[in-house]
PDB file of all heavy atoms in Angstrom:
ATOM      1  N   SER A   1       0.834  -1.207   0.000  1.00  0.00           N
ATOM      2  CA  SER A   1       0.000   0.000   0.000  1.00  0.00           C
ATOM      3  C   SER A   1       0.868   1.256   0.000  1.00  0.00           C
ATOM      4  O   SER A   1       0.552   2.246  -0.666  1.00  0.00           O
ATOM      5  CB  SER A   1      -0.919   0.000   1.223  1.00  0.00           C
ATOM      6  OG  SER A   1      -1.810  -1.095   1.186  1.00  0.00           O
ATOM      7  N   LYS A   2       1.971   1.215   0.748  1.00  0.00           N
ATOM      8  CA  LYS A   2       2.879   2.365   0.793  1.00  0.00           C
ATOM      9  C   LYS A   2       3.455   2.652  -0.585  1.00  0.00           C
ATOM     10  O   LYS A   2       3.546   3.814  -1.004  1.00  0.00           O
ATOM     11  CB  LYS A   2       4.002   2.100   1.794  1.00  0.00           C
ATOM     12  CG  LYS A   2       4.952   3.266   1.987  1.00  0.00           C
ATOM     13  CD  LYS A   2       5.983   2.966   3.060  1.00  0.00           C
ATOM     14  CE  LYS A   2       6.913   4.161   3.291  1.00  0.00           C
ATOM     15  NZ  LYS A   2       7.903   3.883   4.356  1.00  0.00           N
ATOM     16  N   ARG A   3       3.827   1.618  -1.305  1.00  0.00           N
ATOM     17  CA  ARG A   3       4.378   1.798  -2.652  1.00  0.00           C
ATOM     18  C   ARG A   3       3.322   2.385  -3.589  1.00  0.00           C
ATOM     19  O   ARG A   3       3.632   3.237  -4.435  1.00  0.00           O
ATOM     20  CB  ARG A   3       4.887   0.460  -3.182  1.00  0.00           C
ATOM     21  CG  ARG A   3       5.635   0.564  -4.510  1.00  0.00           C
ATOM     22  CD  ARG A   3       6.258  -0.773  -4.864  1.00  0.00           C
ATOM     23  NE  ARG A   3       6.913  -0.738  -6.155  1.00  0.00           N
ATOM     24  CZ  ARG A   3       8.149  -0.312  -6.365  1.00  0.00           C
ATOM     25  NH1 ARG A   3       8.872   0.129  -5.347  1.00  0.00           N
ATOM     26  NH2 ARG A   3       8.674  -0.330  -7.571  1.00  0.00           N
ATOM     27  N   LEU A   4       2.076   1.953  -3.434  1.00  0.00           N
ATOM     28  CA  LEU A   4       0.993   2.491  -4.255  1.00  0.00           C
ATOM     29  C   LEU A   4       0.816   3.984  -3.998  1.00  0.00           C
ATOM     30  O   LEU A   4       0.613   4.764  -4.934  1.00  0.00           O
ATOM     31  CB  LEU A   4      -0.307   1.740  -3.969  1.00  0.00           C
ATOM     32  CG  LEU A   4      -1.559   2.249  -4.694  1.00  0.00           C
ATOM     33  CD1 LEU A   4      -1.389   2.168  -6.213  1.00  0.00           C
ATOM     34  CD2 LEU A   4      -2.787   1.464  -4.252  1.00  0.00           C
ATOM     35  N   VAL A   5       0.893   4.394  -2.738  1.00  0.00           N
ATOM     36  CA  VAL A   5       0.760   5.812  -2.401  1.00  0.00           C
ATOM     37  C   VAL A   5       1.872   6.625  -3.071  1.00  0.00           C
ATOM     38  O   VAL A   5       1.639   7.727  -3.573  1.00  0.00           O
ATOM     39  CB  VAL A   5       0.777   6.009  -0.881  1.00  0.00           C
ATOM     40  CG1 VAL A   5       0.887   7.490  -0.525  1.00  0.00           C
ATOM     41  CG2 VAL A   5      -0.482   5.413  -0.253  1.00  0.00           C
ATOM     42  N   HIS A   6       3.079   6.075  -3.116  1.00  0.00           N
ATOM     43  CA  HIS A   6       4.174   6.779  -3.784  1.00  0.00           C
ATOM     44  C   HIS A   6       3.928   6.871  -5.291  1.00  0.00           C
ATOM     45  O   HIS A   6       4.284   7.875  -5.922  1.00  0.00           O
ATOM     46  CB  HIS A   6       5.503   6.088  -3.487  1.00  0.00           C
ATOM     47  CG  HIS A   6       6.037   6.427  -2.134  1.00  0.00           C
ATOM     48  ND1 HIS A   6       7.277   6.978  -1.928  1.00  0.00           N
ATOM     49  CD2 HIS A   6       5.482   6.295  -0.906  1.00  0.00           C
ATOM     50  CE1 HIS A   6       7.471   7.182  -0.634  1.00  0.00           C
ATOM     51  NE2 HIS A   6       6.389   6.762   0.009  1.00  0.00           N
ATOM     52  N   LYS A   7       3.318   5.853  -5.856  1.00  0.00           N
ATOM     53  CA  LYS A   7       2.922   5.928  -7.263  1.00  0.00           C
ATOM     54  C   LYS A   7       1.950   7.085  -7.476  1.00  0.00           C
ATOM     55  O   LYS A   7       2.083   7.850  -8.441  1.00  0.00           O
ATOM     56  CB  LYS A   7       2.277   4.615  -7.707  1.00  0.00           C
ATOM     57  CG  LYS A   7       1.768   4.609  -9.142  1.00  0.00           C
ATOM     58  CD  LYS A   7       1.153   3.265  -9.492  1.00  0.00           C
ATOM     59  CE  LYS A   7       0.672   3.220 -10.940  1.00  0.00           C
ATOM     60  NZ  LYS A   7      -0.460   4.138 -11.180  1.00  0.00           N
ATOM     61  N   TRP A   8       0.986   7.223  -6.586  1.00  0.00           N
ATOM     62  CA  TRP A   8       0.037   8.336  -6.687  1.00  0.00           C
ATOM     63  C   TRP A   8       0.749   9.679  -6.614  1.00  0.00           C
ATOM     64  O   TRP A   8       0.372  10.624  -7.314  1.00  0.00           O
ATOM     65  CB  TRP A   8      -0.989   8.256  -5.560  1.00  0.00           C
ATOM     66  CG  TRP A   8      -1.918   7.093  -5.643  1.00  0.00           C
ATOM     67  CD1 TRP A   8      -2.171   6.305  -6.735  1.00  0.00           C
ATOM     68  CD2 TRP A   8      -2.732   6.566  -4.581  1.00  0.00           C
ATOM     69  NE1 TRP A   8      -3.091   5.324  -6.405  1.00  0.00           N
ATOM     70  CE2 TRP A   8      -3.442   5.466  -5.102  1.00  0.00           C
ATOM     71  CE3 TRP A   8      -2.906   6.915  -3.244  1.00  0.00           C
ATOM     72  CZ2 TRP A   8      -4.331   4.722  -4.331  1.00  0.00           C
ATOM     73  CZ3 TRP A   8      -3.791   6.184  -2.470  1.00  0.00           C
ATOM     74  CH2 TRP A   8      -4.508   5.096  -3.015  1.00  0.00           C
ATOM     75  N   ARG A   9       1.762   9.768  -5.764  1.00  0.00           N
ATOM     76  CA  ARG A   9       2.482  11.040  -5.626  1.00  0.00           C
ATOM     77  C   ARG A   9       3.120  11.474  -6.945  1.00  0.00           C
ATOM     78  O   ARG A   9       3.290  12.673  -7.192  1.00  0.00           O
ATOM     79  CB  ARG A   9       3.555  10.922  -4.546  1.00  0.00           C
ATOM     80  CG  ARG A   9       2.992  10.843  -3.137  1.00  0.00           C
ATOM     81  CD  ARG A   9       4.094  10.678  -2.107  1.00  0.00           C
ATOM     82  NE  ARG A   9       3.577  10.601  -0.749  1.00  0.00           N
ATOM     83  CZ  ARG A   9       4.324  10.421   0.339  1.00  0.00           C
ATOM     84  NH1 ARG A   9       5.647  10.296   0.209  1.00  0.00           N
ATOM     85  NH2 ARG A   9       3.769  10.366   1.528  1.00  0.00           N
ATOM     86  N   GLY A  10       3.478  10.519  -7.781  1.00  0.00           N
ATOM     87  CA  GLY A  10       4.039  10.852  -9.079  1.00  0.00           C
ATOM     88  C   GLY A  10       3.002  11.243 -10.107  1.00  0.00           C
ATOM     89  O   GLY A  10       3.359  11.643 -11.217  1.00  0.00           O
ATOM     90  N   GLU A  11       1.719  11.143  -9.754  1.00  0.00           N
ATOM     91  CA  GLU A  11       0.634  11.420 -10.693  1.00  0.00           C
ATOM     92  C   GLU A  11      -0.139  12.686 -10.356  1.00  0.00           C
ATOM     93  O   GLU A  11      -1.062  13.047 -11.080  1.00  0.00           O
ATOM     94  CB  GLU A  11      -0.332  10.234 -10.719  1.00  0.00           C
ATOM     95  CG  GLU A  11       0.313   8.942 -11.182  1.00  0.00           C
ATOM     96  CD  GLU A  11      -0.590   7.728 -11.001  1.00  0.00           C
ATOM     97  OE1 GLU A  11      -1.661   7.855 -10.361  1.00  0.00           O
ATOM     98  OE2 GLU A  11      -0.231   6.656 -11.518  1.00  0.00           O
ATOM     99  N   ILE A  12       0.230  13.337  -9.239  1.00  0.00           N
ATOM    100  CA  ILE A  12      -0.490  14.535  -8.806  1.00  0.00           C
ATOM    101  C   ILE A  12       0.454  15.732  -8.867  1.00  0.00           C
ATOM    102  O   ILE A  12       1.642  15.599  -9.163  1.00  0.00           O
ATOM    103  CB  ILE A  12      -1.084  14.344  -7.389  1.00  0.00           C
ATOM    104  CG1 ILE A  12      -0.003  13.859  -6.406  1.00  0.00           C
ATOM    105  CG2 ILE A  12      -2.199  13.319  -7.425  1.00  0.00           C
ATOM    106  CD1 ILE A  12       0.410  14.850  -5.410  1.00  0.00           C
ATOM    107  N   ASP A  13      -0.086  16.921  -8.597  1.00  0.00           N
ATOM    108  CA  ASP A  13       0.718  18.138  -8.710  1.00  0.00           C
ATOM    109  C   ASP A  13       1.206  18.668  -7.376  1.00  0.00           C
ATOM    110  O   ASP A  13       2.260  19.294  -7.294  1.00  0.00           O
ATOM    111  CB  ASP A  13      -0.097  19.242  -9.408  1.00  0.00           C
ATOM    112  CG  ASP A  13      -0.505  18.858 -10.808  1.00  0.00           C
ATOM    113  OD1 ASP A  13       0.361  18.373 -11.551  1.00  0.00           O
ATOM    114  OD2 ASP A  13      -1.683  19.024 -11.163  1.00  0.00           O
ATOM    115  N   ALA A  14       0.405  18.468  -6.329  1.00  0.00           N
ATOM    116  CA  ALA A  14       0.760  19.012  -5.025  1.00  0.00           C
ATOM    117  C   ALA A  14       0.215  18.101  -3.937  1.00  0.00           C
ATOM    118  O   ALA A  14      -0.790  17.412  -4.134  1.00  0.00           O
ATOM    119  CB  ALA A  14       0.199  20.422  -4.865  1.00  0.00           C
ATOM    120  N   ILE A  15       0.896  18.115  -2.779  1.00  0.00           N
ATOM    121  CA  ILE A  15       0.514  17.248  -1.666  1.00  0.00           C
ATOM    122  C   ILE A  15       0.530  18.088  -0.388  1.00  0.00           C
ATOM    123  O   ILE A  15       1.475  18.836  -0.141  1.00  0.00           O
ATOM    124  CB  ILE A  15       1.458  16.037  -1.573  1.00  0.00           C
ATOM    125  CG1 ILE A  15       1.024  15.075  -0.482  1.00  0.00           C
ATOM    126  CG2 ILE A  15       2.896  16.447  -1.400  1.00  0.00           C
ATOM    127  CD1 ILE A  15       1.754  13.734  -0.541  1.00  0.00           C
ATOM    128  N   LEU A  16      -0.523  17.973   0.420  1.00  0.00           N
ATOM    129  CA  LEU A  16      -0.732  18.867   1.560  1.00  0.00           C
ATOM    130  C   LEU A  16      -0.862  18.096   2.865  1.00  0.00           C
ATOM    131  O   LEU A  16      -1.569  17.086   2.930  1.00  0.00           O
ATOM    132  CB  LEU A  16      -2.006  19.699   1.332  1.00  0.00           C
ATOM    133  CG  LEU A  16      -2.481  20.587   2.479  1.00  0.00           C
ATOM    134  CD1 LEU A  16      -1.495  21.736   2.731  1.00  0.00           C
ATOM    135  CD2 LEU A  16      -3.872  21.147   2.172  1.00  0.00           C
ATOM    136  N   VAL A  17      -0.204  18.613   3.913  1.00  0.00           N
ATOM    137  CA  VAL A  17      -0.390  18.103   5.273  1.00  0.00           C
ATOM    138  C   VAL A  17      -0.559  19.291   6.213  1.00  0.00           C
ATOM    139  O   VAL A  17      -0.191  20.430   5.891  1.00  0.00           O
ATOM    140  CB  VAL A  17       0.793  17.235   5.753  1.00  0.00           C
ATOM    141  CG1 VAL A  17       0.893  15.957   4.949  1.00  0.00           C
ATOM    142  CG2 VAL A  17       2.101  18.012   5.723  1.00  0.00           C
ATOM    143  N   GLY A  18      -1.105  18.996   7.407  1.00  0.00           N
ATOM    144  CA  GLY A  18      -1.274  20.018   8.425  1.00  0.00           C
ATOM    145  C   GLY A  18      -0.085  20.075   9.374  1.00  0.00           C
ATOM    146  O   GLY A  18       0.859  19.279   9.276  1.00  0.00           O
ATOM    147  N   THR A  19      -0.138  20.994  10.315  1.00  0.00           N
ATOM    148  CA  THR A  19       0.963  21.214  11.247  1.00  0.00           C
ATOM    149  C   THR A  19       1.254  19.978  12.089  1.00  0.00           C
ATOM    150  O   THR A  19       2.419  19.569  12.237  1.00  0.00           O
ATOM    151  CB  THR A  19       0.642  22.407  12.166  1.00  0.00           C
ATOM    152  OG1 THR A  19       0.290  23.536  11.382  1.00  0.00           O
ATOM    153  CG2 THR A  19       1.845  22.754  13.034  1.00  0.00           C
ATOM    154  N   GLN A  20       0.211  19.373  12.668  1.00  0.00           N
ATOM    155  CA  GLN A  20       0.421  18.242  13.558  1.00  0.00           C
ATOM    156  C   GLN A  20       1.034  17.049  12.827  1.00  0.00           C
ATOM    157  O   GLN A  20       1.910  16.373  13.345  1.00  0.00           O
ATOM    158  CB  GLN A  20      -0.902  17.831  14.213  1.00  0.00           C
ATOM    159  CG  GLN A  20      -1.354  18.766  15.324  1.00  0.00           C
ATOM    160  CD  GLN A  20      -0.340  18.823  16.458  1.00  0.00           C
ATOM    161  OE1 GLN A  20       0.323  19.836  16.668  1.00  0.00           O
ATOM    162  NE2 GLN A  20      -0.196  17.724  17.200  1.00  0.00           N
ATOM    163  N   THR A  21       0.564  16.791  11.626  1.00  0.00           N
ATOM    164  CA  THR A  21       1.130  15.690  10.840  1.00  0.00           C
ATOM    165  C   THR A  21       2.604  15.939  10.552  1.00  0.00           C
ATOM    166  O   THR A  21       3.436  15.029  10.636  1.00  0.00           O
ATOM    167  CB  THR A  21       0.349  15.510   9.534  1.00  0.00           C
ATOM    168  OG1 THR A  21      -1.007  15.167   9.839  1.00  0.00           O
ATOM    169  CG2 THR A  21       0.957  14.418   8.668  1.00  0.00           C
ATOM    170  N   ALA A  22       2.941  17.172  10.210  1.00  0.00           N
ATOM    171  CA  ALA A  22       4.347  17.508   9.948  1.00  0.00           C
ATOM    172  C   ALA A  22       5.199  17.309  11.196  1.00  0.00           C
ATOM    173  O   ALA A  22       6.321  16.799  11.124  1.00  0.00           O
ATOM    174  CB  ALA A  22       4.448  18.944   9.450  1.00  0.00           C
ATOM    175  N   LEU A  23       4.675  17.688  12.363  1.00  0.00           N
ATOM    176  CA  LEU A  23       5.422  17.568  13.613  1.00  0.00           C
ATOM    177  C   LEU A  23       5.598  16.116  14.048  1.00  0.00           C
ATOM    178  O   LEU A  23       6.687  15.691  14.433  1.00  0.00           O
ATOM    179  CB  LEU A  23       4.712  18.347  14.722  1.00  0.00           C
ATOM    180  CG  LEU A  23       4.903  19.865  14.728  1.00  0.00           C
ATOM    181  CD1 LEU A  23       3.965  20.510  15.739  1.00  0.00           C
ATOM    182  CD2 LEU A  23       6.350  20.234  15.032  1.00  0.00           C
ATOM    183  N   ILE A  24       4.497  15.350  13.989  1.00  0.00           N
ATOM    184  CA  ILE A  24       4.513  13.988  14.526  1.00  0.00           C
ATOM    185  C   ILE A  24       5.147  12.999  13.553  1.00  0.00           C
ATOM    186  O   ILE A  24       6.007  12.189  13.917  1.00  0.00           O
ATOM    187  CB  ILE A  24       3.088  13.540  14.897  1.00  0.00           C
ATOM    188  CG1 ILE A  24       2.553  14.419  16.037  1.00  0.00           C
ATOM    189  CG2 ILE A  24       3.056  12.065  15.299  1.00  0.00           C
ATOM    190  CD1 ILE A  24       1.086  14.207  16.327  1.00  0.00           C
TER     191      ILE A  24
END
């Protein structure tokens, strides 16, 4: 599943996270 998510990252333009996710 992790590899699939990385495949998706190569197919989109931007990826967003919030403050807590970035910290933790």
